[in-house]
């Protein structure tokens, strides 16, 4: 007991540990930062690696999602200490909605996961003292469970379409849909689910056709 009292006298109080008028450490806020950061990172890794990665071949997004989550969480958590407006958090979604990574087109599913990653990070960072950790953990679990249901149980497929110019005009006639579909599959090597004829150019003897297939499905050559 004597040694403890001696240490307390030697070690300066937190209020006295300042550099240029700023506290060197605030134990309560520091512990909260580590706790929430660990929770957020764990949930994001579960979403990205456990759910998204299982149905996606776009490995380039793994780094993007985790990096954005870390930056957004730290940004919101640190600025929350100075009582930022809710509009700041909503503004983050507007920024990404406008930018949309103009260097490359992002499929709808990837954009949805990006929105989820940002939303989860903002929730974990800005949840105030009135929200218990039990409520915060439950909220994160509900997001994960919802995504799991959509990905695994409902087994939703994401389709993409290509526009092709088809020159065998005789196969575009009514009643030859199966022949046309089989020929498109054979020539493209893609497991086409369905197609739509946009227009037929009789002057050039070609048809403009949209083919639809699962974006993450195997093509015919892979299936063999």
Foldseek 3Di string as FASTA:
>chain_A
DVVVVVVPVVDDDQCPCDDPRHGPDDVVLVVLLVVLLVLLLVLQCCCVVVFVVVQDPPPVCSVVLNVVLNVLLVVLQVVVVVPDDVVVLVVVVVVCVVPVVVVDHDDPVSVVSSVVSSVLSNCSRNPDPVQDVVNNSVVSVVSSVVSCCVCPVVVDFDKDKDKDKAQQLVCVDPPNQVVVQVVVLVVVQAPFPHKDWPAADPVRRITIMMTMDGPRDDGNVVVD
